[in-house]
N, C-alpha and C. Protein backbone atom coordinates (compact mmCIF):
# COMPACT_ATOMS: atom_id res chain seq x y z
N MET A 1 0.85 -1.16 0.00
CA MET A 1 0.01 0.02 -0.03
C MET A 1 0.89 1.24 0.00
N VAL A 2 0.52 2.20 -0.82
CA VAL A 2 1.26 3.45 -0.92
C VAL A 2 0.50 4.50 -0.12
N GLU A 3 1.18 5.16 0.77
CA GLU A 3 0.62 6.21 1.49
C GLU A 3 1.11 7.57 1.05
N LYS A 4 0.26 8.52 0.87
CA LYS A 4 0.61 9.87 0.47
C LYS A 4 -0.13 10.86 1.36
N ARG A 5 0.43 12.03 1.51
CA ARG A 5 -0.18 13.09 2.31
C ARG A 5 -1.25 13.79 1.49
N LEU A 6 -2.35 14.03 2.11
CA LEU A 6 -3.46 14.73 1.37
C LEU A 6 -3.60 16.19 1.85
N GLY A 7 -3.60 16.36 3.13
CA GLY A 7 -3.66 17.70 3.72
C GLY A 7 -4.76 18.51 3.12
N ALA A 8 -4.51 19.77 2.78
CA ALA A 8 -5.44 20.63 2.17
C ALA A 8 -5.47 20.69 0.67
N LEU A 9 -4.78 19.69 0.08
CA LEU A 9 -4.71 19.73 -1.39
C LEU A 9 -6.06 19.82 -2.11
N PRO A 10 -7.09 19.11 -1.69
CA PRO A 10 -8.37 19.22 -2.38
C PRO A 10 -8.96 20.65 -2.25
N VAL A 11 -8.81 21.26 -1.07
CA VAL A 11 -9.31 22.63 -0.87
C VAL A 11 -8.57 23.56 -1.81
N ALA A 12 -7.22 23.46 -1.77
CA ALA A 12 -6.37 24.30 -2.60
C ALA A 12 -6.73 24.17 -4.06
N ALA A 13 -6.89 22.88 -4.49
CA ALA A 13 -7.27 22.62 -5.86
C ALA A 13 -8.56 23.34 -6.27
N GLU A 14 -9.56 23.26 -5.41
CA GLU A 14 -10.81 23.93 -5.70
C GLU A 14 -10.67 25.46 -5.76
N PHE A 15 -9.92 26.06 -4.94
CA PHE A 15 -9.72 27.51 -4.99
C PHE A 15 -8.91 27.83 -6.29
N LEU A 16 -7.91 27.09 -6.61
CA LEU A 16 -7.13 27.40 -7.84
C LEU A 16 -8.03 27.22 -9.06
N ARG A 17 -8.93 26.23 -9.04
CA ARG A 17 -9.86 26.05 -10.17
C ARG A 17 -10.81 27.22 -10.27
N ARG A 18 -11.39 27.65 -9.13
CA ARG A 18 -12.32 28.76 -9.10
C ARG A 18 -11.67 30.02 -9.58
N LEU A 19 -10.41 30.23 -9.22
CA LEU A 19 -9.65 31.42 -9.63
C LEU A 19 -9.12 31.31 -11.06
N ASP A 20 -9.20 30.11 -11.58
CA ASP A 20 -8.73 29.83 -12.96
C ASP A 20 -7.23 30.14 -13.14
N VAL A 21 -6.49 29.84 -12.17
CA VAL A 21 -5.03 30.15 -12.19
C VAL A 21 -4.37 29.52 -13.44
N ALA A 22 -4.55 28.24 -13.62
CA ALA A 22 -3.92 27.61 -14.81
C ALA A 22 -4.39 28.25 -16.11
N GLY A 23 -5.71 28.50 -16.20
CA GLY A 23 -6.23 29.07 -17.41
C GLY A 23 -5.68 30.46 -17.73
N ILE A 24 -5.57 31.24 -16.65
CA ILE A 24 -5.04 32.63 -16.80
C ILE A 24 -3.55 32.52 -17.23
N VAL A 25 -2.79 31.74 -16.56
CA VAL A 25 -1.37 31.66 -16.87
C VAL A 25 -1.21 31.11 -18.29
N ASP A 26 -1.98 30.11 -18.67
CA ASP A 26 -1.82 29.54 -20.00
C ASP A 26 -2.26 30.54 -21.08
N GLU A 27 -3.24 31.36 -20.78
CA GLU A 27 -3.71 32.35 -21.78
C GLU A 27 -2.62 33.47 -22.00
N VAL A 28 -2.00 33.88 -20.89
CA VAL A 28 -1.01 34.94 -21.00
C VAL A 28 0.37 34.39 -21.45
N CYS A 29 0.67 33.17 -21.04
CA CYS A 29 1.96 32.57 -21.33
C CYS A 29 1.75 31.20 -22.03
N PRO A 30 1.30 31.20 -23.23
CA PRO A 30 1.18 29.90 -23.94
C PRO A 30 2.53 29.35 -24.22
N GLY A 31 2.59 28.11 -24.56
CA GLY A 31 3.83 27.51 -25.01
C GLY A 31 4.20 26.29 -24.19
N GLY A 32 3.72 26.21 -22.97
CA GLY A 32 4.03 25.08 -22.09
C GLY A 32 3.37 23.83 -22.56
N ALA A 33 2.32 23.97 -23.39
CA ALA A 33 1.53 22.80 -23.81
C ALA A 33 2.30 21.84 -24.65
N SER A 34 3.37 22.25 -25.24
CA SER A 34 4.18 21.33 -26.06
C SER A 34 4.85 20.27 -25.14
N ALA A 35 5.00 20.60 -23.93
CA ALA A 35 5.47 19.61 -22.93
C ALA A 35 4.28 18.80 -22.45
N HIS A 36 4.52 17.97 -21.47
CA HIS A 36 3.41 17.18 -20.93
C HIS A 36 2.57 17.97 -20.00
N LEU A 37 3.06 19.07 -19.48
CA LEU A 37 2.34 19.97 -18.60
C LEU A 37 2.30 21.40 -19.13
N THR A 38 1.25 22.14 -18.94
CA THR A 38 1.30 23.52 -19.34
C THR A 38 1.94 24.40 -18.21
N HIS A 39 2.32 25.54 -18.52
CA HIS A 39 2.91 26.43 -17.54
C HIS A 39 1.88 26.60 -16.35
N GLY A 40 0.63 26.73 -16.71
CA GLY A 40 -0.40 26.89 -15.71
C GLY A 40 -0.51 25.78 -14.71
N GLN A 41 -0.38 24.57 -15.22
CA GLN A 41 -0.45 23.38 -14.38
C GLN A 41 0.76 23.40 -13.42
N VAL A 42 1.94 23.75 -13.92
CA VAL A 42 3.11 23.76 -13.07
C VAL A 42 3.00 24.85 -12.04
N ILE A 43 2.50 26.00 -12.41
CA ILE A 43 2.35 27.09 -11.47
C ILE A 43 1.37 26.68 -10.33
N GLU A 44 0.27 26.02 -10.66
CA GLU A 44 -0.65 25.52 -9.66
C GLU A 44 0.06 24.60 -8.69
N ALA A 45 0.91 23.64 -9.20
CA ALA A 45 1.64 22.75 -8.36
C ALA A 45 2.55 23.55 -7.43
N LEU A 46 3.21 24.61 -7.97
CA LEU A 46 4.13 25.38 -7.13
C LEU A 46 3.38 26.19 -6.06
N VAL A 47 2.19 26.66 -6.41
CA VAL A 47 1.37 27.33 -5.39
C VAL A 47 1.07 26.42 -4.25
N VAL A 48 0.57 25.19 -4.58
CA VAL A 48 0.21 24.23 -3.55
C VAL A 48 1.47 23.79 -2.80
N ASN A 49 2.59 23.68 -3.44
CA ASN A 49 3.88 23.35 -2.76
C ASN A 49 4.14 24.41 -1.65
N ARG A 50 3.90 25.64 -1.93
CA ARG A 50 4.13 26.68 -0.92
C ARG A 50 3.13 26.66 0.20
N LEU A 51 1.99 26.13 -0.06
CA LEU A 51 0.88 26.10 1.01
C LEU A 51 1.06 24.90 1.93
N THR A 52 1.87 23.91 1.56
CA THR A 52 2.12 22.77 2.32
C THR A 52 3.58 22.97 2.85
N PRO A 53 4.12 22.05 3.67
CA PRO A 53 5.52 22.20 3.98
C PRO A 53 6.31 22.20 2.67
N PRO A 54 6.80 23.34 2.24
CA PRO A 54 7.41 23.47 0.95
C PRO A 54 8.69 22.75 0.74
N ALA A 55 8.92 22.39 -0.53
CA ALA A 55 10.22 21.83 -0.88
C ALA A 55 10.97 22.80 -1.77
N PRO A 56 12.29 22.74 -1.76
CA PRO A 56 13.05 23.61 -2.68
C PRO A 56 12.62 23.32 -4.13
N LEU A 57 12.88 24.29 -4.97
CA LEU A 57 12.47 24.13 -6.36
C LEU A 57 13.07 22.88 -7.04
N VAL A 58 14.24 22.53 -6.72
CA VAL A 58 14.82 21.30 -7.37
C VAL A 58 14.27 20.02 -6.71
N ARG A 59 13.42 20.12 -5.67
CA ARG A 59 12.85 18.93 -5.06
C ARG A 59 11.34 18.90 -5.15
N VAL A 60 10.78 19.66 -6.04
CA VAL A 60 9.27 19.68 -6.18
C VAL A 60 8.78 18.31 -6.62
N GLY A 61 9.48 17.68 -7.48
CA GLY A 61 9.05 16.29 -7.90
C GLY A 61 9.03 15.34 -6.73
N ASP A 62 10.04 15.37 -5.90
CA ASP A 62 10.06 14.55 -4.69
C ASP A 62 8.90 14.88 -3.76
N TRP A 63 8.65 16.16 -3.59
CA TRP A 63 7.47 16.60 -2.75
C TRP A 63 6.16 16.05 -3.36
N ALA A 64 6.01 16.19 -4.68
CA ALA A 64 4.80 15.71 -5.31
C ALA A 64 4.62 14.15 -5.16
N ARG A 65 5.69 13.45 -5.05
CA ARG A 65 5.62 12.01 -4.85
C ARG A 65 5.12 11.61 -3.47
N THR A 66 5.40 12.46 -2.46
CA THR A 66 4.94 12.18 -1.11
C THR A 66 3.55 12.74 -0.80
N TRP A 67 3.17 13.73 -1.55
CA TRP A 67 1.86 14.34 -1.44
C TRP A 67 0.94 13.79 -2.57
N ALA A 68 -0.34 13.85 -2.37
CA ALA A 68 -1.29 13.32 -3.40
C ALA A 68 -1.52 14.28 -4.59
N VAL A 69 -0.42 14.77 -5.14
CA VAL A 69 -0.49 15.72 -6.23
C VAL A 69 -1.06 15.05 -7.51
N GLU A 70 -0.66 13.85 -7.74
CA GLU A 70 -1.13 13.14 -8.97
C GLU A 70 -2.62 12.85 -8.82
N GLU A 71 -3.06 12.44 -7.62
CA GLU A 71 -4.48 12.06 -7.43
C GLU A 71 -5.34 13.30 -7.47
N VAL A 72 -4.88 14.43 -6.94
CA VAL A 72 -5.75 15.61 -6.85
C VAL A 72 -5.62 16.49 -8.10
N PHE A 73 -4.41 16.67 -8.64
CA PHE A 73 -4.19 17.54 -9.74
C PHE A 73 -3.97 16.85 -11.09
N GLY A 74 -3.79 15.50 -11.02
CA GLY A 74 -3.52 14.78 -12.23
C GLY A 74 -2.13 15.05 -12.85
N ILE A 75 -1.24 15.42 -12.01
CA ILE A 75 0.14 15.75 -12.44
C ILE A 75 1.07 14.67 -11.95
N GLU A 76 1.66 13.98 -12.92
CA GLU A 76 2.59 12.89 -12.59
C GLU A 76 3.83 13.54 -11.96
N PRO A 77 4.27 13.12 -10.78
CA PRO A 77 5.35 13.77 -10.06
C PRO A 77 6.65 13.87 -10.89
N ALA A 78 6.96 12.80 -11.65
CA ALA A 78 8.17 12.84 -12.44
C ALA A 78 8.24 14.01 -13.45
N LEU A 79 7.06 14.51 -13.85
CA LEU A 79 7.04 15.65 -14.80
C LEU A 79 7.43 16.98 -14.15
N LEU A 80 7.41 16.96 -12.81
CA LEU A 80 7.89 18.18 -12.07
C LEU A 80 9.34 18.06 -11.81
N ASN A 81 10.17 17.67 -12.77
CA ASN A 81 11.61 17.55 -12.52
C ASN A 81 12.17 18.90 -12.22
N ASP A 82 13.44 18.97 -11.94
CA ASP A 82 14.03 20.22 -11.44
C ASP A 82 14.01 21.36 -12.46
N ASP A 83 14.01 21.11 -13.73
CA ASP A 83 14.02 22.25 -14.68
C ASP A 83 12.59 22.67 -15.12
N ARG A 84 11.58 21.82 -14.98
CA ARG A 84 10.25 22.21 -15.44
C ARG A 84 9.62 23.36 -14.64
N PRO A 85 9.73 23.29 -13.29
CA PRO A 85 9.23 24.50 -12.53
C PRO A 85 9.99 25.78 -12.89
N ALA A 86 11.32 25.64 -13.09
CA ALA A 86 12.11 26.86 -13.46
C ALA A 86 11.65 27.42 -14.75
N ARG A 87 11.38 26.53 -15.75
CA ARG A 87 10.95 27.00 -17.07
C ARG A 87 9.59 27.71 -16.96
N ALA A 88 8.70 27.23 -16.15
CA ALA A 88 7.37 27.87 -15.93
C ALA A 88 7.55 29.26 -15.32
N LEU A 89 8.44 29.30 -14.27
CA LEU A 89 8.67 30.59 -13.64
C LEU A 89 9.28 31.55 -14.58
N ASP A 90 10.28 31.11 -15.36
CA ASP A 90 10.92 31.99 -16.40
C ASP A 90 9.86 32.50 -17.39
N ALA A 91 8.89 31.70 -17.76
CA ALA A 91 7.88 32.05 -18.73
C ALA A 91 6.93 33.11 -18.13
N ILE A 92 6.60 33.03 -16.87
CA ILE A 92 5.64 33.99 -16.30
C ILE A 92 6.32 35.26 -15.82
N ALA A 93 7.58 35.24 -15.50
CA ALA A 93 8.28 36.37 -14.91
C ALA A 93 8.00 37.72 -15.68
N PRO A 94 8.16 37.72 -17.00
CA PRO A 94 7.97 39.04 -17.68
C PRO A 94 6.48 39.44 -17.78
N GLU A 95 5.59 38.48 -17.45
CA GLU A 95 4.11 38.75 -17.58
C GLU A 95 3.37 38.81 -16.28
N LEU A 96 4.04 39.04 -15.16
CA LEU A 96 3.36 39.00 -13.86
C LEU A 96 2.27 40.06 -13.72
N ASP A 97 2.51 41.26 -14.32
CA ASP A 97 1.50 42.32 -14.22
C ASP A 97 0.23 41.91 -15.02
N ARG A 98 0.40 41.33 -16.17
CA ARG A 98 -0.73 40.85 -16.96
C ARG A 98 -1.46 39.73 -16.28
N ILE A 99 -0.73 38.82 -15.73
CA ILE A 99 -1.39 37.69 -15.03
C ILE A 99 -2.17 38.21 -13.80
N ALA A 100 -1.58 39.06 -13.01
CA ALA A 100 -2.23 39.67 -11.80
C ALA A 100 -3.44 40.46 -12.23
N GLY A 101 -3.36 41.15 -13.35
CA GLY A 101 -4.51 41.93 -13.87
C GLY A 101 -5.68 41.12 -14.33
N ARG A 102 -5.43 39.86 -14.63
CA ARG A 102 -6.52 39.00 -15.11
C ARG A 102 -7.10 38.16 -14.03
N SER A 103 -6.69 38.40 -12.80
CA SER A 103 -7.17 37.60 -11.63
C SER A 103 -8.70 37.59 -11.68
N ALA A 104 -9.20 36.51 -11.17
CA ALA A 104 -10.64 36.18 -11.29
C ALA A 104 -11.57 36.93 -10.31
N PRO A 105 -12.50 36.27 -9.74
CA PRO A 105 -13.61 36.89 -8.95
C PRO A 105 -13.20 37.92 -7.96
N GLY A 106 -14.01 38.97 -7.81
CA GLY A 106 -13.81 39.97 -6.81
C GLY A 106 -12.84 41.02 -7.27
N ARG A 107 -12.45 41.10 -8.45
CA ARG A 107 -11.52 42.10 -9.01
C ARG A 107 -12.24 43.03 -9.92
N SER A 108 -11.93 44.27 -9.82
CA SER A 108 -12.47 45.25 -10.68
C SER A 108 -11.63 45.24 -11.98
N PRO A 109 -12.19 45.05 -13.17
CA PRO A 109 -11.44 44.98 -14.35
C PRO A 109 -10.63 46.25 -14.69
N SER A 110 -11.25 47.41 -14.26
CA SER A 110 -10.59 48.67 -14.63
C SER A 110 -9.41 49.02 -13.65
N SER A 111 -9.54 48.70 -12.38
CA SER A 111 -8.48 49.13 -11.47
C SER A 111 -7.65 47.97 -10.97
N GLY A 112 -8.19 46.73 -11.07
CA GLY A 112 -7.43 45.57 -10.54
C GLY A 112 -7.60 45.46 -9.01
N SER A 113 -8.36 46.36 -8.43
CA SER A 113 -8.47 46.35 -6.92
C SER A 113 -9.66 45.49 -6.56
N THR A 114 -9.62 45.00 -5.39
CA THR A 114 -10.70 44.15 -4.82
C THR A 114 -11.89 45.02 -4.56
N CYS A 115 -13.08 44.57 -4.96
CA CYS A 115 -14.29 45.41 -4.67
C CYS A 115 -15.25 44.55 -3.89
N ARG A 116 -15.95 45.17 -2.93
CA ARG A 116 -16.94 44.46 -2.14
C ARG A 116 -18.17 44.24 -2.97
N GLY A 117 -18.79 43.09 -2.78
CA GLY A 117 -20.03 42.78 -3.46
C GLY A 117 -19.84 42.34 -4.90
N CYS A 118 -18.59 42.31 -5.39
CA CYS A 118 -18.38 41.81 -6.74
C CYS A 118 -18.41 40.29 -6.75
N THR A 119 -18.98 39.72 -7.80
CA THR A 119 -19.11 38.30 -7.90
C THR A 119 -18.38 37.86 -9.13
N GLY A 120 -17.91 36.67 -9.09
CA GLY A 120 -17.21 36.10 -10.28
C GLY A 120 -18.21 35.53 -11.23
N THR A 121 -17.80 35.16 -12.38
CA THR A 121 -18.72 34.51 -13.39
C THR A 121 -18.66 33.04 -13.20
């Protein structure tokens, strides 16, 4: 029997889905799809890595093997090798303002500020 840590992965996955993090990243930074994972998928894994006891960038694949990343996110841990997270971060670095500006629910499209009573689609 294989045991993996679950923790808050399902909750984090649902929030990331609702915020459309992978979709926004992939829309602004296409190109990761030629690999087995898109940049958006990798960024979601990195976000969740930071929300759990985090692993260094070169150990994200090892972290994903001990946590239920494959079961919750559908990401095979071996695909998060040491250079894949770095390539995703390199891809989004010049586009951070555009990515932040496209953030999902509760954001005002004109100012990018959070507004009370705003609802997402």
